[in-house]
Amino acid sequence: FERLGQTEDLREAMSVGRLAVDATPEKHPSKRAHMHNLGASLIHRYHRFRYPPDLEEAIELLRRVIALTPDSHTKLPDVLDNLGNALGSQFDRQRKPSDLEEAIAMQRRAVQLSPSGHLGEASRLHNLGVSLRKRFKLFAEPQDLDESISIQYSVVKLTPDDRIEKPLWVSTLGIALKARYERSGSISDLDNAI
């Protein structure tokens, strides 16, 4: 589904994912992975069709996975980041500040548990920076925007020029700098945004 975007592939992935979750005993080591994969499929379907119960189920599943996963597990940062992103989507839909606060907490924890130089480090930092900018838009606390900008500069610096996400991440930094220019009137922020 992620490569071709075929809805039938997503439907099949979810069907098989549910079977795997249901067939795996609670204490089996694979249970967490099956729940995480199903949660990720539910998030994809939510973004495709905007069906809120998919997002709610994904959040519930990912919370269960986190509760069952020790901090030392190598996949925990992925699950935390996915939960943070799902909560950010829920905030976008419902505008509940508690969803955004939890998203930021999960994303911070994902970043803290990520080994330096890990392939997912830049992506996790980017997601945290986006959530901090959302919180700035909500509460107008300048430190949220400043931290978002600092993080986005790090993301751009960490990312090789040939990585497909780099243009998006540079654009995200520009948007944050423009927002700070609009707040402070700093010409250097506007120059850097351009």
N, C-alpha and C. Protein backbone atom coordinates (compact mmCIF):
# COMPACT_ATOMS: atom_id res chain seq x y z
N PHE A 1 0.82 -1.20 0.00
CA PHE A 1 0.00 0.00 0.00
C PHE A 1 0.86 1.27 0.00
N GLU A 2 1.90 1.29 0.82
CA GLU A 2 2.73 2.49 0.92
C GLU A 2 3.42 2.83 -0.39
N ARG A 3 3.72 1.85 -1.20
CA ARG A 3 4.39 2.10 -2.47
C ARG A 3 3.42 2.43 -3.58
N LEU A 4 2.32 1.66 -3.68
CA LEU A 4 1.40 1.83 -4.81
C LEU A 4 0.12 2.57 -4.46
N GLY A 5 -0.22 2.64 -3.17
CA GLY A 5 -1.43 3.34 -2.76
C GLY A 5 -2.73 2.61 -3.07
N GLN A 6 -2.66 1.31 -3.27
CA GLN A 6 -3.86 0.54 -3.59
C GLN A 6 -4.66 0.28 -2.32
N THR A 7 -5.91 0.72 -2.30
CA THR A 7 -6.77 0.57 -1.14
C THR A 7 -6.96 -0.89 -0.76
N GLU A 8 -7.03 -1.75 -1.76
CA GLU A 8 -7.22 -3.18 -1.49
C GLU A 8 -6.03 -3.75 -0.70
N ASP A 9 -4.83 -3.27 -0.99
CA ASP A 9 -3.65 -3.72 -0.23
C ASP A 9 -3.77 -3.33 1.23
N LEU A 10 -4.24 -2.12 1.48
CA LEU A 10 -4.42 -1.66 2.86
C LEU A 10 -5.49 -2.48 3.57
N ARG A 11 -6.58 -2.73 2.88
CA ARG A 11 -7.67 -3.55 3.45
C ARG A 11 -7.15 -4.95 3.80
N GLU A 12 -6.37 -5.53 2.91
CA GLU A 12 -5.81 -6.86 3.14
C GLU A 12 -4.81 -6.84 4.30
N ALA A 13 -3.97 -5.81 4.35
CA ALA A 13 -3.01 -5.69 5.45
C ALA A 13 -3.72 -5.61 6.79
N MET A 14 -4.83 -4.87 6.83
CA MET A 14 -5.58 -4.75 8.08
C MET A 14 -6.24 -6.07 8.45
N SER A 15 -6.77 -6.77 7.48
CA SER A 15 -7.42 -8.05 7.73
C SER A 15 -6.42 -9.06 8.30
N VAL A 16 -5.27 -9.16 7.65
CA VAL A 16 -4.23 -10.07 8.10
C VAL A 16 -3.69 -9.60 9.46
N GLY A 17 -3.57 -8.29 9.64
CA GLY A 17 -3.10 -7.75 10.92
C GLY A 17 -4.02 -8.10 12.07
N ARG A 18 -5.30 -7.98 11.84
CA ARG A 18 -6.27 -8.36 12.89
C ARG A 18 -6.18 -9.85 13.21
N LEU A 19 -6.05 -10.67 12.17
CA LEU A 19 -5.89 -12.11 12.40
C LEU A 19 -4.65 -12.40 13.24
N ALA A 20 -3.55 -11.74 12.92
CA ALA A 20 -2.30 -11.94 13.66
C ALA A 20 -2.44 -11.53 15.12
N VAL A 21 -3.07 -10.37 15.36
CA VAL A 21 -3.27 -9.91 16.74
C VAL A 21 -4.16 -10.88 17.50
N ASP A 22 -5.26 -11.27 16.89
CA ASP A 22 -6.21 -12.17 17.56
C ASP A 22 -5.64 -13.56 17.80
N ALA A 23 -4.79 -14.05 16.90
CA ALA A 23 -4.26 -15.41 17.00
C ALA A 23 -3.05 -15.51 17.93
N THR A 24 -2.44 -14.39 18.27
CA THR A 24 -1.22 -14.42 19.08
C THR A 24 -1.56 -14.29 20.56
N PRO A 25 -1.07 -15.23 21.37
CA PRO A 25 -1.34 -15.15 22.81
C PRO A 25 -0.80 -13.84 23.41
N GLU A 26 -1.45 -13.36 24.45
CA GLU A 26 -1.10 -12.07 25.07
C GLU A 26 0.37 -11.97 25.44
N LYS A 27 0.96 -13.00 25.98
CA LYS A 27 2.34 -12.93 26.47
C LYS A 27 3.39 -13.30 25.42
N HIS A 28 2.95 -13.58 24.20
CA HIS A 28 3.90 -13.94 23.14
C HIS A 28 4.69 -12.71 22.71
N PRO A 29 6.01 -12.84 22.50
CA PRO A 29 6.83 -11.67 22.13
C PRO A 29 6.39 -10.99 20.83
N SER A 30 5.73 -11.70 19.92
CA SER A 30 5.31 -11.10 18.65
C SER A 30 4.03 -10.28 18.77
N LYS A 31 3.32 -10.41 19.87
CA LYS A 31 2.04 -9.70 20.03
C LYS A 31 2.21 -8.20 19.84
N ARG A 32 3.27 -7.63 20.45
CA ARG A 32 3.50 -6.18 20.34
C ARG A 32 3.70 -5.77 18.89
N ALA A 33 4.50 -6.53 18.16
CA ALA A 33 4.77 -6.19 16.76
C ALA A 33 3.49 -6.26 15.93
N HIS A 34 2.67 -7.28 16.17
CA HIS A 34 1.42 -7.40 15.41
C HIS A 34 0.48 -6.22 15.72
N MET A 35 0.41 -5.84 17.00
CA MET A 35 -0.46 -4.70 17.37
C MET A 35 0.08 -3.41 16.77
N HIS A 36 1.40 -3.23 16.78
CA HIS A 36 2.00 -2.03 16.20
C HIS A 36 1.71 -1.94 14.71
N ASN A 37 1.87 -3.07 14.01
CA ASN A 37 1.61 -3.08 12.57
C ASN A 37 0.14 -2.79 12.26
N LEU A 38 -0.76 -3.36 13.04
CA LEU A 38 -2.19 -3.07 12.84
C LEU A 38 -2.47 -1.60 13.12
N GLY A 39 -1.88 -1.07 14.18
CA GLY A 39 -2.06 0.36 14.49
C GLY A 39 -1.58 1.24 13.34
N ALA A 40 -0.43 0.89 12.76
CA ALA A 40 0.10 1.68 11.63
C ALA A 40 -0.84 1.60 10.43
N SER A 41 -1.41 0.43 10.18
CA SER A 41 -2.37 0.29 9.07
C SER A 41 -3.63 1.12 9.32
N LEU A 42 -4.09 1.13 10.56
CA LEU A 42 -5.27 1.94 10.91
C LEU A 42 -4.99 3.42 10.70
N ILE A 43 -3.79 3.86 11.04
CA ILE A 43 -3.42 5.27 10.84
C ILE A 43 -3.40 5.59 9.35
N HIS A 44 -2.83 4.69 8.53
CA HIS A 44 -2.82 4.92 7.07
C HIS A 44 -4.25 5.04 6.55
N ARG A 45 -5.11 4.15 7.02
CA ARG A 45 -6.50 4.20 6.53
C ARG A 45 -7.19 5.47 7.01
N TYR A 46 -6.90 5.90 8.23
CA TYR A 46 -7.49 7.15 8.71
C TYR A 46 -7.06 8.31 7.81
N HIS A 47 -5.78 8.38 7.50
CA HIS A 47 -5.30 9.49 6.66
C HIS A 47 -5.87 9.42 5.25
N ARG A 48 -6.19 8.23 4.81
CA ARG A 48 -6.76 8.07 3.47
C ARG A 48 -8.25 8.42 3.43
N PHE A 49 -9.02 7.94 4.45
CA PHE A 49 -10.47 8.07 4.41
C PHE A 49 -11.08 8.95 5.51
N ARG A 50 -10.26 9.39 6.46
CA ARG A 50 -10.72 10.27 7.55
C ARG A 50 -11.86 9.65 8.37
N TYR A 51 -11.74 8.38 8.67
CA TYR A 51 -12.73 7.66 9.47
C TYR A 51 -12.23 7.66 10.92
N PRO A 52 -12.79 8.52 11.80
CA PRO A 52 -12.26 8.69 13.16
C PRO A 52 -12.10 7.41 13.98
N PRO A 53 -13.00 6.42 13.89
CA PRO A 53 -12.77 5.21 14.69
C PRO A 53 -11.44 4.50 14.37
N ASP A 54 -10.93 4.62 13.14
CA ASP A 54 -9.63 4.04 12.82
C ASP A 54 -8.53 4.69 13.66
N LEU A 55 -8.58 6.00 13.76
CA LEU A 55 -7.57 6.72 14.53
C LEU A 55 -7.68 6.38 16.01
N GLU A 56 -8.89 6.33 16.51
CA GLU A 56 -9.10 6.01 17.92
C GLU A 56 -8.60 4.60 18.25
N GLU A 57 -8.89 3.64 17.38
CA GLU A 57 -8.41 2.27 17.60
C GLU A 57 -6.89 2.21 17.52
N ALA A 58 -6.31 2.93 16.59
CA ALA A 58 -4.84 2.94 16.47
C ALA A 58 -4.21 3.49 17.74
N ILE A 59 -4.74 4.57 18.25
CA ILE A 59 -4.21 5.16 19.48
C ILE A 59 -4.30 4.17 20.64
N GLU A 60 -5.44 3.51 20.76
CA GLU A 60 -5.61 2.52 21.82
C GLU A 60 -4.59 1.38 21.69
N LEU A 61 -4.44 0.86 20.47
CA LEU A 61 -3.47 -0.22 20.24
C LEU A 61 -2.05 0.21 20.56
N LEU A 62 -1.66 1.39 20.10
CA LEU A 62 -0.29 1.86 20.32
C LEU A 62 -0.02 2.12 21.80
N ARG A 63 -1.02 2.60 22.52
CA ARG A 63 -0.85 2.76 23.98
C ARG A 63 -0.62 1.41 24.64
N ARG A 64 -1.34 0.39 24.20
CA ARG A 64 -1.15 -0.96 24.75
C ARG A 64 0.26 -1.47 24.43
N VAL A 65 0.72 -1.24 23.21
CA VAL A 65 2.06 -1.69 22.83
C VAL A 65 3.10 -1.01 23.73
N ILE A 66 2.97 0.28 23.95
CA ILE A 66 3.93 1.00 24.78
C ILE A 66 3.91 0.46 26.21
N ALA A 67 2.74 0.18 26.73
CA ALA A 67 2.64 -0.35 28.09
C ALA A 67 3.32 -1.71 28.22
N LEU A 68 3.38 -2.47 27.14
CA LEU A 68 3.98 -3.80 27.16
C LEU A 68 5.46 -3.83 26.78
N THR A 69 6.02 -2.67 26.40
CA THR A 69 7.36 -2.64 25.83
C THR A 69 8.36 -1.97 26.78
N PRO A 70 9.46 -2.65 27.09
CA PRO A 70 10.48 -2.03 27.95
C PRO A 70 11.22 -0.90 27.21
N ASP A 71 11.72 0.07 27.96
CA ASP A 71 12.44 1.20 27.36
C ASP A 71 13.64 0.75 26.53
N SER A 72 14.20 -0.39 26.86
CA SER A 72 15.39 -0.86 26.15
C SER A 72 15.08 -1.49 24.79
N HIS A 73 13.81 -1.70 24.48
CA HIS A 73 13.45 -2.35 23.22
C HIS A 73 13.74 -1.42 22.04
N THR A 74 14.37 -1.96 21.00
CA THR A 74 14.80 -1.12 19.87
C THR A 74 13.64 -0.52 19.08
N LYS A 75 12.46 -1.14 19.14
CA LYS A 75 11.32 -0.65 18.36
C LYS A 75 10.48 0.39 19.14
N LEU A 76 10.76 0.58 20.43
CA LEU A 76 9.94 1.50 21.22
C LEU A 76 9.93 2.92 20.64
N PRO A 77 11.07 3.48 20.20
CA PRO A 77 10.99 4.83 19.61
C PRO A 77 10.04 4.93 18.42
N ASP A 78 9.98 3.88 17.59
CA ASP A 78 9.05 3.88 16.45
C ASP A 78 7.60 3.94 16.94
N VAL A 79 7.28 3.13 17.95
CA VAL A 79 5.91 3.08 18.47
C VAL A 79 5.55 4.42 19.11
N LEU A 80 6.47 4.98 19.90
CA LEU A 80 6.22 6.28 20.53
C LEU A 80 5.98 7.37 19.49
N ASP A 81 6.80 7.37 18.44
CA ASP A 81 6.66 8.37 17.38
C ASP A 81 5.32 8.19 16.66
N ASN A 82 4.96 6.94 16.36
CA ASN A 82 3.67 6.70 15.70
C ASN A 82 2.50 7.14 16.58
N LEU A 83 2.58 6.85 17.88
CA LEU A 83 1.52 7.30 18.78
C LEU A 83 1.48 8.82 18.82
N GLY A 84 2.65 9.45 18.90
CA GLY A 84 2.68 10.92 18.91
C GLY A 84 2.05 11.50 17.66
N ASN A 85 2.35 10.92 16.51
CA ASN A 85 1.77 11.41 15.26
C ASN A 85 0.26 11.18 15.21
N ALA A 86 -0.19 10.03 15.72
CA ALA A 86 -1.63 9.74 15.75
C ALA A 86 -2.34 10.72 16.68
N LEU A 87 -1.74 11.01 17.82
CA LEU A 87 -2.33 11.98 18.75
C LEU A 87 -2.34 13.39 18.14
N GLY A 88 -1.30 13.71 17.37
CA GLY A 88 -1.28 14.99 16.66
C GLY A 88 -2.41 15.09 15.65
N SER A 89 -2.69 13.98 14.97
CA SER A 89 -3.82 13.95 14.03
C SER A 89 -5.15 14.08 14.78
N GLN A 90 -5.22 13.44 15.94
CA GLN A 90 -6.44 13.57 16.74
C GLN A 90 -6.63 15.01 17.21
N PHE A 91 -5.52 15.67 17.58
CA PHE A 91 -5.60 17.08 17.96
C PHE A 91 -6.10 17.91 16.77
N ASP A 92 -5.59 17.64 15.59
CA ASP A 92 -6.02 18.39 14.40
C ASP A 92 -7.52 18.24 14.18
N ARG A 93 -8.05 17.08 14.52
CA ARG A 93 -9.47 16.80 14.31
C ARG A 93 -10.34 17.37 15.43
N GLN A 94 -9.92 17.19 16.68
CA GLN A 94 -10.79 17.55 17.81
C GLN A 94 -10.38 18.83 18.53
N ARG A 95 -9.14 19.29 18.31
CA ARG A 95 -8.62 20.51 18.93
C ARG A 95 -8.55 20.42 20.46
N LYS A 96 -8.32 19.22 20.98
CA LYS A 96 -8.16 19.04 22.43
C LYS A 96 -6.69 19.21 22.79
N PRO A 97 -6.36 20.24 23.58
CA PRO A 97 -4.96 20.45 23.94
C PRO A 97 -4.30 19.24 24.60
N SER A 98 -5.07 18.44 25.34
CA SER A 98 -4.47 17.27 26.00
C SER A 98 -3.91 16.28 24.97
N ASP A 99 -4.54 16.17 23.80
CA ASP A 99 -4.00 15.29 22.75
C ASP A 99 -2.64 15.80 22.27
N LEU A 100 -2.53 17.11 22.10
CA LEU A 100 -1.27 17.69 21.63
C LEU A 100 -0.19 17.56 22.69
N GLU A 101 -0.54 17.76 23.95
CA GLU A 101 0.44 17.61 25.03
C GLU A 101 0.96 16.18 25.09
N GLU A 102 0.06 15.22 24.97
CA GLU A 102 0.49 13.82 24.98
C GLU A 102 1.33 13.49 23.75
N ALA A 103 0.96 14.06 22.60
CA ALA A 103 1.75 13.84 21.38
C ALA A 103 3.18 14.32 21.59
N ILE A 104 3.33 15.51 22.14
CA ILE A 104 4.66 16.07 22.37
C ILE A 104 5.44 15.20 23.36
N ALA A 105 4.79 14.74 24.41
CA ALA A 105 5.46 13.88 25.40
C ALA A 105 5.94 12.59 24.75
N MET A 106 5.11 11.97 23.91
CA MET A 106 5.50 10.73 23.23
C MET A 106 6.65 10.99 22.26
N GLN A 107 6.58 12.09 21.52
CA GLN A 107 7.62 12.39 20.54
C GLN A 107 8.94 12.74 21.24
N ARG A 108 8.88 13.44 22.36
CA ARG A 108 10.12 13.73 23.11
C ARG A 108 10.76 12.42 23.58
N ARG A 109 9.93 11.53 24.09
CA ARG A 109 10.45 10.26 24.58
C ARG A 109 11.05 9.45 23.42
N ALA A 110 10.40 9.49 22.27
CA ALA A 110 10.94 8.79 21.08
C ALA A 110 12.31 9.34 20.71
N VAL A 111 12.46 10.65 20.73
CA VAL A 111 13.74 11.28 20.40
C VAL A 111 14.79 10.90 21.45
N GLN A 112 14.41 10.94 22.72
CA GLN A 112 15.36 10.62 23.80
C GLN A 112 15.86 9.18 23.71
N LEU A 113 14.99 8.26 23.29
CA LEU A 113 15.36 6.84 23.22
C LEU A 113 16.02 6.47 21.89
N SER A 114 16.06 7.38 20.94
CA SER A 114 16.66 7.10 19.63
C SER A 114 18.18 7.24 19.71
N PRO A 115 18.90 6.24 19.24
CA PRO A 115 20.36 6.37 19.21
C PRO A 115 20.77 7.50 18.26
N SER A 116 21.78 8.25 18.65
CA SER A 116 22.29 9.33 17.79
C SER A 116 22.75 8.74 16.46
N GLY A 117 22.36 9.39 15.39
CA GLY A 117 22.73 8.94 14.06
C GLY A 117 21.82 7.86 13.48
N HIS A 118 20.82 7.45 14.26
CA HIS A 118 19.86 6.44 13.77
C HIS A 118 19.10 7.00 12.58
N LEU A 119 18.75 6.14 11.65
CA LEU A 119 18.04 6.55 10.43
C LEU A 119 16.75 7.31 10.75
N GLY A 120 16.04 6.93 11.81
CA GLY A 120 14.78 7.58 12.15
C GLY A 120 14.92 8.85 12.98
N GLU A 121 16.14 9.21 13.38
CA GLU A 121 16.34 10.35 14.27
C GLU A 121 15.80 11.65 13.67
N ALA A 122 16.15 11.96 12.43
CA ALA A 122 15.72 13.21 11.81
C ALA A 122 14.19 13.26 11.69
N SER A 123 13.59 12.15 11.31
CA SER A 123 12.14 12.09 11.18
C SER A 123 11.45 12.34 12.52
N ARG A 124 11.95 11.71 13.57
CA ARG A 124 11.35 11.89 14.90
C ARG A 124 11.52 13.31 15.38
N LEU A 125 12.69 13.90 15.14
CA LEU A 125 12.90 15.30 15.51
C LEU A 125 11.94 16.21 14.73
N HIS A 126 11.81 15.95 13.44
CA HIS A 126 10.90 16.74 12.60
C HIS A 126 9.48 16.70 13.17
N ASN A 127 9.01 15.50 13.52
CA ASN A 127 7.65 15.37 14.05
C ASN A 127 7.48 16.14 15.35
N LEU A 128 8.49 16.09 16.23
CA LEU A 128 8.43 16.86 17.47
C LEU A 128 8.40 18.35 17.17
N GLY A 129 9.22 18.80 16.24
CA GLY A 129 9.23 20.23 15.88
C GLY A 129 7.89 20.70 15.35
N VAL A 130 7.23 19.88 14.54
CA VAL A 130 5.91 20.22 14.00
C VAL A 130 4.89 20.34 15.14
N SER A 131 4.94 19.40 16.08
CA SER A 131 3.99 19.45 17.20
C SER A 131 4.23 20.67 18.08
N LEU A 132 5.48 21.03 18.28
CA LEU A 132 5.77 22.24 19.07
C LEU A 132 5.25 23.49 18.37
N ARG A 133 5.35 23.52 17.03
CA ARG A 133 4.81 24.67 16.29
C ARG A 133 3.28 24.72 16.41
N LYS A 134 2.64 23.56 16.40
CA LYS A 134 1.18 23.52 16.62
C LYS A 134 0.83 24.09 17.99
N ARG A 135 1.64 23.71 19.00
CA ARG A 135 1.35 24.21 20.35
C ARG A 135 1.59 25.72 20.42
N PHE A 136 2.59 26.22 19.70
CA PHE A 136 2.80 27.67 19.63
C PHE A 136 1.56 28.35 19.04
N LYS A 137 1.02 27.77 17.97
CA LYS A 137 -0.17 28.36 17.35
C LYS A 137 -1.36 28.35 18.31
N LEU A 138 -1.39 27.38 19.20
CA LEU A 138 -2.50 27.25 20.14
C LEU A 138 -2.35 28.21 21.32
N PHE A 139 -1.16 28.26 21.91
CA PHE A 139 -0.96 29.02 23.16
C PHE A 139 -0.10 30.26 23.01
N ALA A 140 0.54 30.45 21.85
CA ALA A 140 1.39 31.62 21.58
C ALA A 140 2.54 31.76 22.57
N GLU A 141 3.10 30.64 23.01
CA GLU A 141 4.27 30.65 23.88
C GLU A 141 5.52 30.68 23.00
N PRO A 142 6.29 31.78 23.03
CA PRO A 142 7.45 31.91 22.13
C PRO A 142 8.47 30.78 22.26
N GLN A 143 8.63 30.22 23.48
CA GLN A 143 9.64 29.16 23.63
C GLN A 143 9.29 27.92 22.81
N ASP A 144 8.00 27.67 22.58
CA ASP A 144 7.62 26.53 21.73
C ASP A 144 8.10 26.75 20.30
N LEU A 145 7.92 27.95 19.79
CA LEU A 145 8.35 28.25 18.42
C LEU A 145 9.87 28.24 18.33
N ASP A 146 10.54 28.82 19.33
CA ASP A 146 12.01 28.82 19.33
C ASP A 146 12.56 27.39 19.35
N GLU A 147 11.97 26.53 20.19
CA GLU A 147 12.43 25.14 20.24
C GLU A 147 12.14 24.44 18.92
N SER A 148 10.98 24.71 18.34
CA SER A 148 10.64 24.10 17.05
C SER A 148 11.67 24.48 15.98
N ILE A 149 12.03 25.74 15.95
CA ILE A 149 13.01 26.21 14.96
C ILE A 149 14.37 25.56 15.20
N SER A 150 14.80 25.51 16.45
CA SER A 150 16.07 24.88 16.78
C SER A 150 16.09 23.42 16.34
N ILE A 151 15.00 22.73 16.61
CA ILE A 151 14.90 21.32 16.21
C ILE A 151 14.91 21.19 14.68
N GLN A 152 14.17 22.05 13.99
CA GLN A 152 14.10 21.95 12.53
C GLN A 152 15.46 22.26 11.89
N TYR A 153 16.23 23.19 12.48
CA TYR A 153 17.60 23.41 11.99
C TYR A 153 18.42 22.13 12.13
N SER A 154 18.28 21.44 13.28
CA SER A 154 19.00 20.18 13.50
C SER A 154 18.59 19.13 12.47
N VAL A 155 17.29 19.06 12.19
CA VAL A 155 16.79 18.09 11.21
C VAL A 155 17.42 18.33 9.85
N VAL A 156 17.43 19.58 9.42
CA VAL A 156 18.00 19.91 8.10
C VAL A 156 19.49 19.58 8.08
N LYS A 157 20.19 19.89 9.18
CA LYS A 157 21.63 19.61 9.25
C LYS A 157 21.92 18.11 9.24
N LEU A 158 21.08 17.32 9.91
CA LEU A 158 21.28 15.87 9.99
C LEU A 158 20.97 15.14 8.68
N THR A 159 20.17 15.77 7.82
CA THR A 159 19.63 15.07 6.66
C THR A 159 20.50 15.26 5.42
N PRO A 160 20.95 14.15 4.83
CA PRO A 160 21.71 14.27 3.58
C PRO A 160 20.85 14.91 2.48
N ASP A 161 21.51 15.62 1.57
CA ASP A 161 20.79 16.32 0.50
C ASP A 161 20.00 15.39 -0.41
N ASP A 162 20.42 14.15 -0.53
CA ASP A 162 19.72 13.24 -1.45
C ASP A 162 18.54 12.52 -0.81
N ARG A 163 18.26 12.79 0.45
CA ARG A 163 17.12 12.13 1.09
C ARG A 163 15.83 12.80 0.63
N ILE A 164 14.85 12.00 0.29
CA ILE A 164 13.62 12.49 -0.33
C ILE A 164 12.84 13.47 0.56
N GLU A 165 12.97 13.34 1.88
CA GLU A 165 12.23 14.21 2.80
C GLU A 165 12.85 15.59 2.97
N LYS A 166 14.09 15.77 2.55
CA LYS A 166 14.80 17.02 2.85
C LYS A 166 14.05 18.27 2.37
N PRO A 167 13.52 18.32 1.16
CA PRO A 167 12.80 19.54 0.75
C PRO A 167 11.61 19.87 1.68
N LEU A 168 10.88 18.85 2.09
CA LEU A 168 9.76 19.08 3.02
C LEU A 168 10.27 19.64 4.33
N TRP A 169 11.37 19.07 4.83
CA TRP A 169 11.89 19.50 6.12
C TRP A 169 12.47 20.91 6.05
N VAL A 170 13.08 21.28 4.94
CA VAL A 170 13.56 22.66 4.75
C VAL A 170 12.36 23.61 4.71
N SER A 171 11.31 23.19 4.01
CA SER A 171 10.09 23.99 3.94
C SER A 171 9.47 24.19 5.33
N THR A 172 9.46 23.12 6.14
CA THR A 172 8.91 23.22 7.49
C THR A 172 9.71 24.22 8.32
N LEU A 173 11.02 24.20 8.18
CA LEU A 173 11.86 25.20 8.87
C LEU A 173 11.51 26.60 8.40
N GLY A 174 11.32 26.79 7.09
CA GLY A 174 10.95 28.10 6.56
C GLY A 174 9.63 28.60 7.11
N ILE A 175 8.66 27.71 7.25
CA ILE A 175 7.35 28.08 7.80
C ILE A 175 7.50 28.53 9.25
N ALA A 176 8.31 27.81 10.02
CA ALA A 176 8.52 28.19 11.43
C ALA A 176 9.24 29.53 11.53
N LEU A 177 10.24 29.75 10.69
CA LEU A 177 10.95 31.03 10.70
C LEU A 177 10.03 32.18 10.31
N LYS A 178 9.16 31.95 9.34
CA LYS A 178 8.19 32.97 8.94
C LYS A 178 7.25 33.30 10.10
N ALA A 179 6.82 32.26 10.84
CA ALA A 179 5.94 32.49 11.99
C ALA A 179 6.65 33.33 13.05
N ARG A 180 7.94 33.06 13.26
CA ARG A 180 8.68 33.86 14.26
C ARG A 180 8.89 35.29 13.76
N TYR A 181 9.12 35.45 12.47
CA TYR A 181 9.22 36.81 11.90
C TYR A 181 7.92 37.58 12.14
N GLU A 182 6.79 36.92 11.88
CA GLU A 182 5.49 37.58 12.07
C GLU A 182 5.26 37.97 13.52
N ARG A 183 5.83 37.21 14.45
CA ARG A 183 5.69 37.52 15.87
C ARG A 183 6.67 38.61 16.30
N SER A 184 7.92 38.51 15.83
CA SER A 184 8.96 39.39 16.35
C SER A 184 9.38 40.51 15.41
N GLY A 185 9.13 40.34 14.12
CA GLY A 185 9.56 41.32 13.14
C GLY A 185 11.05 41.23 12.80
N SER A 186 11.71 40.14 13.21
CA SER A 186 13.13 39.96 12.96
C SER A 186 13.38 39.71 11.47
N ILE A 187 14.09 40.65 10.84
CA ILE A 187 14.40 40.53 9.42
C ILE A 187 15.27 39.30 9.15
N SER A 188 16.15 38.93 10.09
CA SER A 188 17.01 37.76 9.87
C SER A 188 16.15 36.48 9.76
N ASP A 189 15.07 36.39 10.55
CA ASP A 189 14.18 35.23 10.43
C ASP A 189 13.53 35.21 9.05
N LEU A 190 13.11 36.37 8.57
CA LEU A 190 12.48 36.43 7.25
C LEU A 190 13.50 36.05 6.17
N ASP A 191 14.72 36.59 6.28
CA ASP A 191 15.78 36.26 5.31
C ASP A 191 16.06 34.76 5.30
N ASN A 192 16.16 34.17 6.49
CA ASN A 192 16.44 32.73 6.58
C ASN A 192 15.26 31.90 6.06
N ALA A 193 14.05 32.40 6.24
CA ALA A 193 12.87 31.68 5.75
C ALA A 193 12.86 31.64 4.23
N ILE A 194 13.35 32.69 3.63
CA ILE A 194 13.36 32.78 2.16
C ILE A 194 14.53 31.96 1.64
